Amino acid sequence: MAKKNDIAEAQKLDYTHVLSASLIEQNDGQLEGLPKNPRYIKDERFAKLKLSLEQSPEFLEANPLKVYPLDNGHYIIIGGNMRFLAGREVGITEFPCYIFKKETPVEKLKEFVIKDNIAFGNTDWDALANDDWDVSDLEDWGMDVSFLTSDEEDMDLSGLYEEHEATQKEKPITITIEVPNEMGDKVDDIKEALKVTLEEWEGCTIKK
């Protein structure tokens, strides 16, 4: 366990570097062993992210991009691809970055990609609806609170909270099966065999 003095000393260090946007690359799978960024953002959410960065560009200093140095002198984004895209569109030319060490194993980088995008914990929607939070501010800051702005007076909010929380649950695990091209005529037979096997496992299905 680290000593208090060691932790205090580490907190004095500045791990943030400011990099030109021209040196930063999105993760499109160009680093061997690291799949491309699995995250995407829709138009409305992207517009809110851009607005958020325009209103508070200093937030990037508190939440810098996480990058890894490539052999070409550039840096690939491990965490913050969407922030980078939005920042470029609102005119940001330099980004605060945390740079992972060159010797970081690619398996560790894969782990960081996923962990950076996981939202641990749940939102207390009742607190947001009834405490001193302004719904318009929450919307401007990028939070989806559309279900809090209904005009229906007798709405059962508790039911809405439960419904909204249900949409936040983890997606089912997907297993991909690859069939060689030369066995293309056997695909239907393979599906049928898998269906018989999956009957033993309730809830498991085969997607077309």
N, C-alpha and C. Protein backbone atom coordinates (compact mmCIF):
# COMPACT_ATOMS: atom_id res chain seq x y z
N MET A 1 0.85 -1.20 0.00
CA MET A 1 0.00 0.00 0.00
C MET A 1 0.88 1.25 0.00
N ALA A 2 0.52 2.23 -0.85
CA ALA A 2 1.31 3.45 -0.93
C ALA A 2 1.20 4.26 0.35
N LYS A 3 2.31 4.87 0.75
CA LYS A 3 2.31 5.71 1.93
C LYS A 3 1.66 7.06 1.60
N LYS A 4 1.12 7.72 2.64
CA LYS A 4 0.46 8.99 2.44
C LYS A 4 1.40 10.01 1.80
N ASN A 5 2.66 10.02 2.24
CA ASN A 5 3.62 10.97 1.70
C ASN A 5 3.86 10.74 0.21
N ASP A 6 3.88 9.44 -0.18
CA ASP A 6 4.08 9.11 -1.59
C ASP A 6 2.90 9.59 -2.42
N ILE A 7 1.69 9.39 -1.91
CA ILE A 7 0.49 9.82 -2.62
C ILE A 7 0.46 11.34 -2.75
N ALA A 8 0.80 12.02 -1.67
CA ALA A 8 0.80 13.48 -1.69
C ALA A 8 1.81 14.00 -2.70
N GLU A 9 2.98 13.34 -2.77
CA GLU A 9 4.00 13.76 -3.73
C GLU A 9 3.54 13.52 -5.16
N ALA A 10 2.87 12.38 -5.38
CA ALA A 10 2.38 12.06 -6.72
C ALA A 10 1.33 13.06 -7.17
N GLN A 11 0.52 13.55 -6.23
CA GLN A 11 -0.53 14.49 -6.58
C GLN A 11 0.03 15.83 -7.03
N LYS A 12 1.30 16.10 -6.73
CA LYS A 12 1.92 17.36 -7.14
C LYS A 12 2.39 17.30 -8.60
N LEU A 13 2.50 16.08 -9.14
CA LEU A 13 3.02 15.92 -10.49
C LEU A 13 1.96 16.27 -11.53
N ASP A 14 2.42 16.83 -12.64
CA ASP A 14 1.52 17.19 -13.72
C ASP A 14 1.63 16.13 -14.81
N TYR A 15 0.59 15.31 -14.96
CA TYR A 15 0.62 14.24 -15.94
C TYR A 15 0.03 14.68 -17.29
N THR A 16 -0.40 15.93 -17.37
CA THR A 16 -1.09 16.40 -18.57
C THR A 16 -0.13 17.10 -19.53
N HIS A 17 -0.23 16.74 -20.80
CA HIS A 17 0.54 17.39 -21.86
C HIS A 17 -0.46 18.02 -22.83
N VAL A 18 -0.10 19.13 -23.44
CA VAL A 18 -0.96 19.77 -24.43
C VAL A 18 -0.40 19.43 -25.80
N LEU A 19 -1.23 18.76 -26.61
CA LEU A 19 -0.80 18.33 -27.94
C LEU A 19 -1.61 19.02 -29.03
N SER A 20 -0.95 19.32 -30.13
CA SER A 20 -1.64 19.87 -31.28
C SER A 20 -2.60 18.82 -31.84
N ALA A 21 -3.77 19.27 -32.29
CA ALA A 21 -4.75 18.34 -32.85
C ALA A 21 -4.18 17.60 -34.06
N SER A 22 -3.22 18.22 -34.75
CA SER A 22 -2.64 17.60 -35.94
C SER A 22 -1.80 16.37 -35.60
N LEU A 23 -1.44 16.21 -34.32
CA LEU A 23 -0.64 15.07 -33.90
C LEU A 23 -1.48 13.95 -33.30
N ILE A 24 -2.79 14.17 -33.22
CA ILE A 24 -3.67 13.22 -32.56
C ILE A 24 -4.50 12.48 -33.60
N GLU A 25 -4.57 11.17 -33.47
CA GLU A 25 -5.35 10.34 -34.39
C GLU A 25 -6.46 9.62 -33.64
N GLN A 26 -7.63 9.57 -34.28
CA GLN A 26 -8.71 8.75 -33.72
C GLN A 26 -8.32 7.28 -33.83
N ASN A 27 -8.89 6.48 -32.95
CA ASN A 27 -8.62 5.05 -32.99
C ASN A 27 -9.49 4.39 -34.06
N ASP A 28 -8.89 4.16 -35.23
CA ASP A 28 -9.59 3.49 -36.33
C ASP A 28 -9.05 2.08 -36.55
N GLY A 29 -8.34 1.56 -35.54
CA GLY A 29 -7.79 0.21 -35.66
C GLY A 29 -6.40 0.19 -36.27
N GLN A 30 -5.73 1.36 -36.33
CA GLN A 30 -4.41 1.42 -36.96
C GLN A 30 -3.28 0.87 -36.09
N LEU A 31 -3.55 0.69 -34.79
CA LEU A 31 -2.53 0.11 -33.91
C LEU A 31 -2.76 -1.39 -33.82
N GLU A 32 -1.78 -2.18 -34.23
CA GLU A 32 -1.93 -3.63 -34.26
C GLU A 32 -2.29 -4.19 -32.88
N GLY A 33 -3.36 -4.97 -32.86
CA GLY A 33 -3.80 -5.58 -31.61
C GLY A 33 -4.86 -4.79 -30.88
N LEU A 34 -5.09 -3.53 -31.31
CA LEU A 34 -6.09 -2.69 -30.66
C LEU A 34 -7.25 -2.45 -31.63
N PRO A 35 -8.42 -3.03 -31.37
CA PRO A 35 -9.57 -2.81 -32.27
C PRO A 35 -9.95 -1.34 -32.29
N LYS A 36 -10.67 -0.94 -33.36
CA LYS A 36 -11.09 0.45 -33.48
C LYS A 36 -12.06 0.82 -32.35
N ASN A 37 -12.17 2.11 -32.10
CA ASN A 37 -13.02 2.60 -31.02
C ASN A 37 -14.46 2.08 -31.18
N PRO A 38 -15.01 1.42 -30.16
CA PRO A 38 -16.35 0.85 -30.28
C PRO A 38 -17.48 1.84 -30.01
N ARG A 39 -17.15 3.08 -29.66
CA ARG A 39 -18.17 4.06 -29.32
C ARG A 39 -18.57 4.90 -30.53
N TYR A 40 -19.82 5.34 -30.55
CA TYR A 40 -20.29 6.28 -31.57
C TYR A 40 -21.24 7.24 -30.89
N ILE A 41 -21.59 8.32 -31.58
CA ILE A 41 -22.49 9.31 -30.99
C ILE A 41 -23.43 9.81 -32.07
N LYS A 42 -24.71 9.94 -31.74
CA LYS A 42 -25.71 10.38 -32.71
C LYS A 42 -25.71 11.91 -32.81
N ASP A 43 -26.35 12.41 -33.87
CA ASP A 43 -26.30 13.84 -34.20
C ASP A 43 -26.71 14.73 -33.04
N GLU A 44 -27.86 14.44 -32.40
CA GLU A 44 -28.35 15.31 -31.34
C GLU A 44 -27.40 15.30 -30.15
N ARG A 45 -26.90 14.14 -29.77
CA ARG A 45 -25.97 14.04 -28.66
C ARG A 45 -24.63 14.71 -29.01
N PHE A 46 -24.24 14.58 -30.26
CA PHE A 46 -22.98 15.20 -30.70
C PHE A 46 -23.10 16.72 -30.63
N ALA A 47 -24.27 17.25 -31.00
CA ALA A 47 -24.49 18.69 -30.93
C ALA A 47 -24.40 19.17 -29.48
N LYS A 48 -24.92 18.36 -28.56
CA LYS A 48 -24.86 18.74 -27.14
C LYS A 48 -23.43 18.69 -26.62
N LEU A 49 -22.66 17.72 -27.11
CA LEU A 49 -21.27 17.63 -26.69
C LEU A 49 -20.48 18.85 -27.18
N LYS A 50 -20.75 19.27 -28.41
CA LYS A 50 -20.08 20.46 -28.94
C LYS A 50 -20.45 21.69 -28.13
N LEU A 51 -21.74 21.81 -27.80
CA LEU A 51 -22.19 22.94 -26.98
C LEU A 51 -21.51 22.92 -25.63
N SER A 52 -21.38 21.73 -25.05
CA SER A 52 -20.75 21.60 -23.75
C SER A 52 -19.30 22.09 -23.78
N LEU A 53 -18.57 21.74 -24.84
CA LEU A 53 -17.18 22.16 -24.96
C LEU A 53 -17.05 23.65 -25.24
N GLU A 54 -18.03 24.19 -25.99
CA GLU A 54 -18.03 25.63 -26.24
C GLU A 54 -18.26 26.41 -24.95
N GLN A 55 -19.17 25.89 -24.12
CA GLN A 55 -19.50 26.57 -22.87
C GLN A 55 -18.37 26.42 -21.84
N SER A 56 -17.74 25.24 -21.79
CA SER A 56 -16.74 24.98 -20.76
C SER A 56 -15.53 24.25 -21.34
N PRO A 57 -14.74 24.93 -22.19
CA PRO A 57 -13.57 24.26 -22.78
C PRO A 57 -12.55 23.82 -21.71
N GLU A 58 -12.59 24.48 -20.55
CA GLU A 58 -11.64 24.12 -19.48
C GLU A 58 -11.92 22.74 -18.91
N PHE A 59 -13.10 22.19 -19.22
CA PHE A 59 -13.42 20.84 -18.74
C PHE A 59 -12.44 19.82 -19.32
N LEU A 60 -11.88 20.12 -20.50
CA LEU A 60 -10.92 19.21 -21.11
C LEU A 60 -9.65 19.09 -20.25
N GLU A 61 -9.33 20.15 -19.50
CA GLU A 61 -8.17 20.09 -18.64
C GLU A 61 -8.40 19.13 -17.47
N ALA A 62 -9.64 19.11 -16.99
CA ALA A 62 -9.98 18.21 -15.88
C ALA A 62 -10.20 16.79 -16.36
N ASN A 63 -10.55 16.65 -17.64
CA ASN A 63 -10.82 15.33 -18.21
C ASN A 63 -10.10 15.23 -19.56
N PRO A 64 -8.77 15.14 -19.53
CA PRO A 64 -7.99 15.16 -20.77
C PRO A 64 -8.20 13.91 -21.62
N LEU A 65 -7.82 14.00 -22.89
CA LEU A 65 -7.83 12.82 -23.74
C LEU A 65 -6.77 11.85 -23.21
N LYS A 66 -7.03 10.56 -23.34
CA LYS A 66 -6.04 9.56 -22.98
C LYS A 66 -5.44 9.03 -24.29
N VAL A 67 -4.15 9.18 -24.49
CA VAL A 67 -3.54 8.84 -25.78
C VAL A 67 -2.31 7.95 -25.58
N TYR A 68 -1.91 7.33 -26.69
CA TYR A 68 -0.75 6.44 -26.69
C TYR A 68 0.15 6.81 -27.87
N PRO A 69 1.47 6.90 -27.65
CA PRO A 69 2.38 7.32 -28.73
C PRO A 69 2.55 6.26 -29.80
N LEU A 70 2.41 6.67 -31.07
CA LEU A 70 2.63 5.80 -32.21
C LEU A 70 4.05 5.97 -32.73
N ASP A 71 4.49 5.05 -33.58
CA ASP A 71 5.85 5.10 -34.11
C ASP A 71 6.05 6.26 -35.08
N ASN A 72 4.95 6.81 -35.63
CA ASN A 72 5.06 7.91 -36.60
C ASN A 72 5.13 9.29 -35.94
N GLY A 73 5.21 9.31 -34.61
CA GLY A 73 5.28 10.59 -33.91
C GLY A 73 3.93 11.15 -33.53
N HIS A 74 2.87 10.47 -33.96
CA HIS A 74 1.52 10.88 -33.59
C HIS A 74 1.06 10.11 -32.36
N TYR A 75 -0.17 10.41 -31.93
CA TYR A 75 -0.73 9.78 -30.74
C TYR A 75 -2.13 9.27 -31.06
N ILE A 76 -2.41 8.02 -30.71
CA ILE A 76 -3.73 7.44 -30.94
C ILE A 76 -4.57 7.62 -29.69
N ILE A 77 -5.85 7.94 -29.88
CA ILE A 77 -6.74 8.18 -28.75
C ILE A 77 -7.21 6.85 -28.16
N ILE A 78 -6.95 6.68 -26.88
CA ILE A 78 -7.43 5.51 -26.14
C ILE A 78 -8.76 5.84 -25.47
N GLY A 79 -8.90 7.06 -24.99
CA GLY A 79 -10.15 7.51 -24.38
C GLY A 79 -10.40 8.97 -24.73
N GLY A 80 -11.60 9.25 -25.28
CA GLY A 80 -11.94 10.63 -25.61
C GLY A 80 -12.12 10.90 -27.09
N ASN A 81 -12.38 9.84 -27.90
CA ASN A 81 -12.56 10.03 -29.33
C ASN A 81 -13.67 11.02 -29.66
N MET A 82 -14.79 10.93 -28.96
CA MET A 82 -15.91 11.81 -29.25
C MET A 82 -15.61 13.26 -28.83
N ARG A 83 -14.92 13.42 -27.70
CA ARG A 83 -14.55 14.77 -27.26
C ARG A 83 -13.60 15.41 -28.27
N PHE A 84 -12.71 14.59 -28.82
CA PHE A 84 -11.77 15.10 -29.82
C PHE A 84 -12.51 15.56 -31.08
N LEU A 85 -13.43 14.73 -31.56
CA LEU A 85 -14.20 15.09 -32.76
C LEU A 85 -14.99 16.38 -32.54
N ALA A 86 -15.67 16.45 -31.41
CA ALA A 86 -16.48 17.63 -31.11
C ALA A 86 -15.59 18.86 -30.95
N GLY A 87 -14.46 18.69 -30.27
CA GLY A 87 -13.56 19.80 -30.07
C GLY A 87 -13.04 20.37 -31.37
N ARG A 88 -12.69 19.48 -32.31
CA ARG A 88 -12.21 19.95 -33.60
C ARG A 88 -13.27 20.79 -34.30
N GLU A 89 -14.53 20.34 -34.19
CA GLU A 89 -15.61 21.04 -34.89
C GLU A 89 -15.92 22.41 -34.30
N VAL A 90 -15.58 22.63 -33.03
CA VAL A 90 -15.84 23.95 -32.43
C VAL A 90 -14.56 24.80 -32.41
N GLY A 91 -13.53 24.33 -33.13
CA GLY A 91 -12.35 25.16 -33.30
C GLY A 91 -11.21 24.96 -32.33
N ILE A 92 -11.26 23.91 -31.52
CA ILE A 92 -10.16 23.65 -30.60
C ILE A 92 -8.99 23.04 -31.37
N THR A 93 -7.83 23.62 -31.24
CA THR A 93 -6.66 23.16 -32.00
C THR A 93 -5.61 22.47 -31.14
N GLU A 94 -5.73 22.60 -29.83
CA GLU A 94 -4.81 21.93 -28.92
C GLU A 94 -5.60 21.25 -27.81
N PHE A 95 -5.18 20.05 -27.42
CA PHE A 95 -5.93 19.28 -26.45
C PHE A 95 -5.03 18.83 -25.29
N PRO A 96 -5.51 19.01 -24.06
CA PRO A 96 -4.81 18.41 -22.92
C PRO A 96 -4.89 16.89 -23.06
N CYS A 97 -3.77 16.21 -22.82
CA CYS A 97 -3.74 14.76 -23.01
C CYS A 97 -2.96 14.08 -21.88
N TYR A 98 -3.44 12.93 -21.49
CA TYR A 98 -2.65 12.03 -20.64
C TYR A 98 -2.01 11.02 -21.59
N ILE A 99 -0.69 10.92 -21.56
CA ILE A 99 0.02 10.04 -22.48
C ILE A 99 0.44 8.75 -21.77
N PHE A 100 -0.10 7.62 -22.25
CA PHE A 100 0.33 6.35 -21.69
C PHE A 100 1.76 6.05 -22.13
N LYS A 101 2.51 5.37 -21.30
CA LYS A 101 3.89 5.05 -21.60
C LYS A 101 3.96 4.11 -22.81
N LYS A 102 5.03 4.26 -23.59
CA LYS A 102 5.20 3.46 -24.81
C LYS A 102 5.21 1.97 -24.50
N GLU A 103 5.72 1.59 -23.32
CA GLU A 103 5.82 0.17 -22.98
C GLU A 103 4.51 -0.42 -22.48
N THR A 104 3.43 0.36 -22.45
CA THR A 104 2.13 -0.16 -22.02
C THR A 104 1.68 -1.28 -22.96
N PRO A 105 1.39 -2.49 -22.46
CA PRO A 105 0.96 -3.60 -23.32
C PRO A 105 -0.36 -3.28 -24.03
N VAL A 106 -0.51 -3.76 -25.26
CA VAL A 106 -1.72 -3.48 -26.02
C VAL A 106 -2.95 -4.05 -25.33
N GLU A 107 -2.78 -5.18 -24.61
CA GLU A 107 -3.91 -5.75 -23.88
C GLU A 107 -4.41 -4.79 -22.80
N LYS A 108 -3.47 -4.06 -22.21
CA LYS A 108 -3.84 -3.07 -21.20
C LYS A 108 -4.55 -1.89 -21.86
N LEU A 109 -4.12 -1.50 -23.05
CA LEU A 109 -4.77 -0.42 -23.78
C LEU A 109 -6.22 -0.80 -24.12
N LYS A 110 -6.43 -2.07 -24.52
CA LYS A 110 -7.78 -2.54 -24.81
C LYS A 110 -8.66 -2.42 -23.56
N GLU A 111 -8.09 -2.79 -22.43
CA GLU A 111 -8.82 -2.68 -21.16
C GLU A 111 -9.19 -1.23 -20.88
N PHE A 112 -8.24 -0.30 -21.10
CA PHE A 112 -8.48 1.11 -20.83
C PHE A 112 -9.58 1.66 -21.74
N VAL A 113 -9.61 1.21 -23.01
CA VAL A 113 -10.64 1.68 -23.95
C VAL A 113 -12.03 1.41 -23.40
N ILE A 114 -12.23 0.20 -22.90
CA ILE A 114 -13.54 -0.18 -22.38
C ILE A 114 -13.83 0.52 -21.06
N LYS A 115 -12.86 0.51 -20.15
CA LYS A 115 -13.09 1.12 -18.84
C LYS A 115 -13.37 2.60 -18.93
N ASP A 116 -12.78 3.28 -19.92
CA ASP A 116 -12.99 4.71 -20.07
C ASP A 116 -14.43 5.02 -20.49
N ASN A 117 -15.11 4.03 -21.07
CA ASN A 117 -16.46 4.26 -21.57
C ASN A 117 -17.56 3.65 -20.69
N ILE A 118 -17.16 3.07 -19.56
CA ILE A 118 -18.16 2.47 -18.67
C ILE A 118 -18.62 3.51 -17.65
N ALA A 119 -19.92 3.66 -17.52
CA ALA A 119 -20.47 4.57 -16.51
C ALA A 119 -20.81 3.74 -15.27
N PHE A 120 -19.93 3.77 -14.29
CA PHE A 120 -20.19 3.04 -13.05
C PHE A 120 -21.23 3.81 -12.23
N GLY A 121 -22.12 3.08 -11.56
CA GLY A 121 -23.13 3.74 -10.74
C GLY A 121 -24.38 4.07 -11.55
N ASN A 122 -25.42 4.50 -10.87
CA ASN A 122 -26.70 4.85 -11.48
C ASN A 122 -27.09 6.27 -11.10
N THR A 123 -27.93 6.87 -11.92
CA THR A 123 -28.40 8.22 -11.67
C THR A 123 -29.64 8.20 -10.78
N ASP A 124 -29.68 9.05 -9.77
CA ASP A 124 -30.87 9.19 -8.92
C ASP A 124 -31.80 10.17 -9.62
N TRP A 125 -32.71 9.64 -10.46
CA TRP A 125 -33.58 10.50 -11.26
C TRP A 125 -34.58 11.25 -10.39
N ASP A 126 -34.96 10.67 -9.27
CA ASP A 126 -35.88 11.35 -8.36
C ASP A 126 -35.21 12.61 -7.81
N ALA A 127 -33.93 12.52 -7.47
CA ALA A 127 -33.20 13.68 -6.97
C ALA A 127 -33.09 14.76 -8.04
N LEU A 128 -32.83 14.35 -9.28
CA LEU A 128 -32.72 15.33 -10.36
C LEU A 128 -34.04 16.04 -10.60
N ALA A 129 -35.13 15.30 -10.43
CA ALA A 129 -36.45 15.90 -10.70
C ALA A 129 -36.91 16.81 -9.58
N ASN A 130 -36.50 16.53 -8.35
CA ASN A 130 -37.08 17.25 -7.21
C ASN A 130 -36.10 18.13 -6.43
N ASP A 131 -34.80 17.92 -6.61
CA ASP A 131 -33.83 18.77 -5.92
C ASP A 131 -33.55 20.02 -6.75
N ASP A 132 -32.56 20.80 -6.34
CA ASP A 132 -32.30 22.08 -6.98
C ASP A 132 -31.48 21.93 -8.25
N TRP A 133 -32.05 21.20 -9.21
CA TRP A 133 -31.43 21.05 -10.52
C TRP A 133 -32.35 21.64 -11.58
N ASP A 134 -31.83 22.44 -12.46
CA ASP A 134 -32.62 23.05 -13.53
C ASP A 134 -32.58 22.13 -14.75
N VAL A 135 -33.76 21.68 -15.20
CA VAL A 135 -33.84 20.73 -16.30
C VAL A 135 -33.19 21.29 -17.57
N SER A 136 -33.37 22.58 -17.83
CA SER A 136 -32.79 23.17 -19.03
C SER A 136 -31.27 23.12 -18.96
N ASP A 137 -30.72 23.33 -17.75
CA ASP A 137 -29.26 23.23 -17.58
C ASP A 137 -28.80 21.80 -17.85
N LEU A 138 -29.52 20.82 -17.31
CA LEU A 138 -29.16 19.43 -17.50
C LEU A 138 -29.15 19.07 -18.99
N GLU A 139 -30.15 19.58 -19.72
CA GLU A 139 -30.21 19.32 -21.16
C GLU A 139 -29.02 19.95 -21.87
N ASP A 140 -28.70 21.20 -21.51
CA ASP A 140 -27.56 21.89 -22.13
C ASP A 140 -26.26 21.18 -21.85
N TRP A 141 -26.17 20.53 -20.68
CA TRP A 141 -24.94 19.84 -20.30
C TRP A 141 -24.84 18.46 -20.92
N GLY A 142 -25.87 18.07 -21.71
CA GLY A 142 -25.79 16.82 -22.46
C GLY A 142 -26.55 15.66 -21.89
N MET A 143 -27.27 15.85 -20.77
CA MET A 143 -28.00 14.74 -20.17
C MET A 143 -29.38 14.59 -20.82
N ASP A 144 -29.79 13.36 -21.09
CA ASP A 144 -31.10 13.09 -21.66
C ASP A 144 -32.14 13.08 -20.54
N VAL A 145 -32.89 14.19 -20.42
CA VAL A 145 -33.91 14.31 -19.38
C VAL A 145 -35.28 14.58 -20.00
N SER A 146 -35.45 14.12 -21.25
CA SER A 146 -36.70 14.40 -21.95
C SER A 146 -37.92 13.86 -21.21
N PHE A 147 -37.73 12.75 -20.50
CA PHE A 147 -38.86 12.16 -19.79
C PHE A 147 -39.24 12.95 -18.54
N LEU A 148 -38.42 13.96 -18.17
CA LEU A 148 -38.76 14.82 -17.03
C LEU A 148 -39.53 16.07 -17.45
N THR A 149 -39.66 16.28 -18.76
CA THR A 149 -40.25 17.52 -19.25
C THR A 149 -41.64 17.33 -19.83
N SER A 150 -42.30 16.20 -19.54
CA SER A 150 -43.64 15.95 -20.07
C SER A 150 -44.64 16.92 -19.48
N ASP A 151 -45.67 17.26 -20.28
CA ASP A 151 -46.72 18.20 -19.83
C ASP A 151 -47.82 17.51 -19.04
N GLU A 152 -47.79 16.19 -18.96
CA GLU A 152 -48.85 15.48 -18.26
C GLU A 152 -48.72 15.71 -16.76
N GLU A 153 -49.78 16.23 -16.13
CA GLU A 153 -49.74 16.59 -14.71
C GLU A 153 -49.76 15.38 -13.79
N ASP A 154 -50.49 14.35 -14.19
CA ASP A 154 -50.67 13.21 -13.29
C ASP A 154 -49.74 12.04 -13.65
N MET A 155 -48.62 12.37 -14.22
CA MET A 155 -47.71 11.31 -14.65
C MET A 155 -47.11 10.58 -13.46
N ASP A 156 -46.99 9.27 -13.58
CA ASP A 156 -46.36 8.46 -12.54
C ASP A 156 -44.86 8.46 -12.79
N LEU A 157 -44.15 9.39 -12.13
CA LEU A 157 -42.72 9.53 -12.36
C LEU A 157 -41.93 8.31 -11.92
N SER A 158 -42.40 7.64 -10.86
CA SER A 158 -41.66 6.47 -10.38
C SER A 158 -41.58 5.41 -11.48
N GLY A 159 -42.68 5.27 -12.22
CA GLY A 159 -42.67 4.31 -13.32
C GLY A 159 -41.71 4.72 -14.41
N LEU A 160 -41.62 6.03 -14.67
CA LEU A 160 -40.70 6.52 -15.68
C LEU A 160 -39.25 6.29 -15.28
N TYR A 161 -38.96 6.49 -13.99
CA TYR A 161 -37.60 6.26 -13.51
C TYR A 161 -37.21 4.81 -13.74
N GLU A 162 -38.14 3.90 -13.38
CA GLU A 162 -37.85 2.48 -13.54
C GLU A 162 -37.64 2.13 -15.01
N GLU A 163 -38.48 2.73 -15.88
CA GLU A 163 -38.36 2.46 -17.31
C GLU A 163 -37.03 2.98 -17.84
N HIS A 164 -36.66 4.18 -17.41
CA HIS A 164 -35.41 4.76 -17.88
C HIS A 164 -34.21 3.95 -17.39
N GLU A 165 -34.25 3.53 -16.12
CA GLU A 165 -33.16 2.74 -15.58
C GLU A 165 -33.03 1.42 -16.33
N ALA A 166 -34.19 0.88 -16.74
CA ALA A 166 -34.17 -0.40 -17.45
C ALA A 166 -33.40 -0.29 -18.75
N THR A 167 -33.48 0.89 -19.41
CA THR A 167 -32.78 1.09 -20.67
C THR A 167 -31.28 1.20 -20.47
N GLN A 168 -30.85 1.42 -19.22
CA GLN A 168 -29.43 1.57 -18.95
C GLN A 168 -28.75 0.25 -18.62
N LYS A 169 -29.52 -0.83 -18.54
CA LYS A 169 -28.94 -2.12 -18.18
C LYS A 169 -27.97 -2.60 -19.26
N GLU A 170 -27.08 -3.46 -18.88
CA GLU A 170 -26.07 -3.96 -19.81
C GLU A 170 -26.73 -4.74 -20.95
N LYS A 171 -26.16 -4.59 -22.12
CA LYS A 171 -26.65 -5.33 -23.28
C LYS A 171 -26.21 -6.79 -23.17
N PRO A 172 -26.97 -7.70 -23.78
CA PRO A 172 -26.58 -9.12 -23.71
C PRO A 172 -25.25 -9.35 -24.41
N ILE A 173 -24.56 -10.39 -23.97
CA ILE A 173 -23.27 -10.75 -24.56
C ILE A 173 -23.50 -11.37 -25.94
N THR A 174 -22.72 -10.95 -26.91
CA THR A 174 -22.84 -11.46 -28.27
C THR A 174 -21.62 -12.31 -28.62
N ILE A 175 -21.87 -13.50 -29.17
CA ILE A 175 -20.80 -14.38 -29.62
C ILE A 175 -20.90 -14.47 -31.14
N THR A 176 -19.81 -14.20 -31.83
CA THR A 176 -19.77 -14.26 -33.29
C THR A 176 -19.15 -15.57 -33.76
N ILE A 177 -19.83 -16.22 -34.68
CA ILE A 177 -19.32 -17.47 -35.24
C ILE A 177 -18.96 -17.23 -36.71
N GLU A 178 -17.72 -17.51 -37.07
CA GLU A 178 -17.27 -17.33 -38.44
C GLU A 178 -17.31 -18.66 -39.19
N VAL A 179 -17.90 -18.63 -40.38
CA VAL A 179 -18.00 -19.83 -41.21
C VAL A 179 -17.14 -19.62 -42.46
N PRO A 180 -16.22 -20.54 -42.77
CA PRO A 180 -15.38 -20.40 -43.96
C PRO A 180 -16.22 -20.29 -45.21
N ASN A 181 -15.75 -19.53 -46.19
CA ASN A 181 -16.49 -19.32 -47.43
C ASN A 181 -16.82 -20.63 -48.12
N GLU A 182 -15.90 -21.58 -48.04
CA GLU A 182 -16.13 -22.85 -48.73
C GLU A 182 -17.26 -23.67 -48.09
N MET A 183 -17.72 -23.24 -46.90
CA MET A 183 -18.82 -23.94 -46.23
C MET A 183 -20.10 -23.11 -46.27
N GLY A 184 -20.14 -22.16 -47.21
CA GLY A 184 -21.30 -21.27 -47.31
C GLY A 184 -22.62 -21.99 -47.49
N ASP A 185 -22.58 -23.13 -48.19
CA ASP A 185 -23.82 -23.87 -48.43
C ASP A 185 -24.28 -24.65 -47.20
N LYS A 186 -23.47 -24.62 -46.14
CA LYS A 186 -23.81 -25.36 -44.92
C LYS A 186 -24.32 -24.44 -43.80
N VAL A 187 -24.44 -23.13 -44.10
CA VAL A 187 -24.82 -22.16 -43.07
C VAL A 187 -26.15 -22.52 -42.41
N ASP A 188 -27.15 -22.84 -43.21
CA ASP A 188 -28.46 -23.17 -42.64
C ASP A 188 -28.39 -24.41 -41.75
N ASP A 189 -27.61 -25.40 -42.17
CA ASP A 189 -27.46 -26.61 -41.36
C ASP A 189 -26.76 -26.29 -40.04
N ILE A 190 -25.77 -25.41 -40.10
CA ILE A 190 -25.05 -25.02 -38.89
C ILE A 190 -25.98 -24.29 -37.93
N LYS A 191 -26.83 -23.40 -38.46
CA LYS A 191 -27.78 -22.67 -37.62
C LYS A 191 -28.73 -23.62 -36.91
N GLU A 192 -29.22 -24.60 -37.67
CA GLU A 192 -30.17 -25.55 -37.08
C GLU A 192 -29.50 -26.35 -35.96
N ALA A 193 -28.25 -26.74 -36.17
CA ALA A 193 -27.53 -27.50 -35.16
C ALA A 193 -27.32 -26.65 -33.90
N LEU A 194 -27.03 -25.38 -34.12
CA LEU A 194 -26.83 -24.48 -32.98
C LEU A 194 -28.13 -24.27 -32.21
N LYS A 195 -29.25 -24.14 -32.93
CA LYS A 195 -30.54 -23.96 -32.28
C LYS A 195 -30.86 -25.12 -31.35
N VAL A 196 -30.56 -26.33 -31.83
CA VAL A 196 -30.82 -27.52 -31.00
C VAL A 196 -29.96 -27.47 -29.74
N THR A 197 -28.71 -27.06 -29.90
CA THR A 197 -27.81 -26.97 -28.75
C THR A 197 -28.27 -25.91 -27.76
N LEU A 198 -28.75 -24.76 -28.28
CA LEU A 198 -29.13 -23.64 -27.41
C LEU A 198 -30.44 -23.86 -26.67
N GLU A 199 -31.21 -24.88 -27.08
CA GLU A 199 -32.46 -25.18 -26.37
C GLU A 199 -32.19 -25.49 -24.90
N GLU A 200 -30.97 -25.91 -24.61
CA GLU A 200 -30.59 -26.25 -23.24
C GLU A 200 -30.35 -24.99 -22.40
N TRP A 201 -30.15 -23.84 -23.08
CA TRP A 201 -29.79 -22.61 -22.41
C TRP A 201 -30.88 -21.55 -22.64
N GLU A 202 -31.73 -21.40 -21.63
CA GLU A 202 -32.87 -20.49 -21.74
C GLU A 202 -32.41 -19.05 -21.96
N GLY A 203 -33.03 -18.37 -22.94
CA GLY A 203 -32.72 -16.97 -23.18
C GLY A 203 -31.70 -16.74 -24.28
N CYS A 204 -30.96 -17.81 -24.66
CA CYS A 204 -29.97 -17.67 -25.72
C CYS A 204 -30.66 -17.79 -27.09
N THR A 205 -30.33 -16.91 -28.02
CA THR A 205 -30.95 -16.93 -29.33
C THR A 205 -29.90 -16.75 -30.41
N ILE A 206 -30.29 -17.09 -31.64
CA ILE A 206 -29.42 -16.90 -32.80
C ILE A 206 -29.99 -15.75 -33.62
N LYS A 207 -29.20 -14.73 -33.89
CA LYS A 207 -29.62 -13.63 -34.73
C LYS A 207 -29.31 -13.93 -36.18
N LYS A 208 -30.15 -13.43 -37.07
CA LYS A 208 -29.91 -13.66 -38.50
C LYS A 208 -28.72 -12.82 -38.94
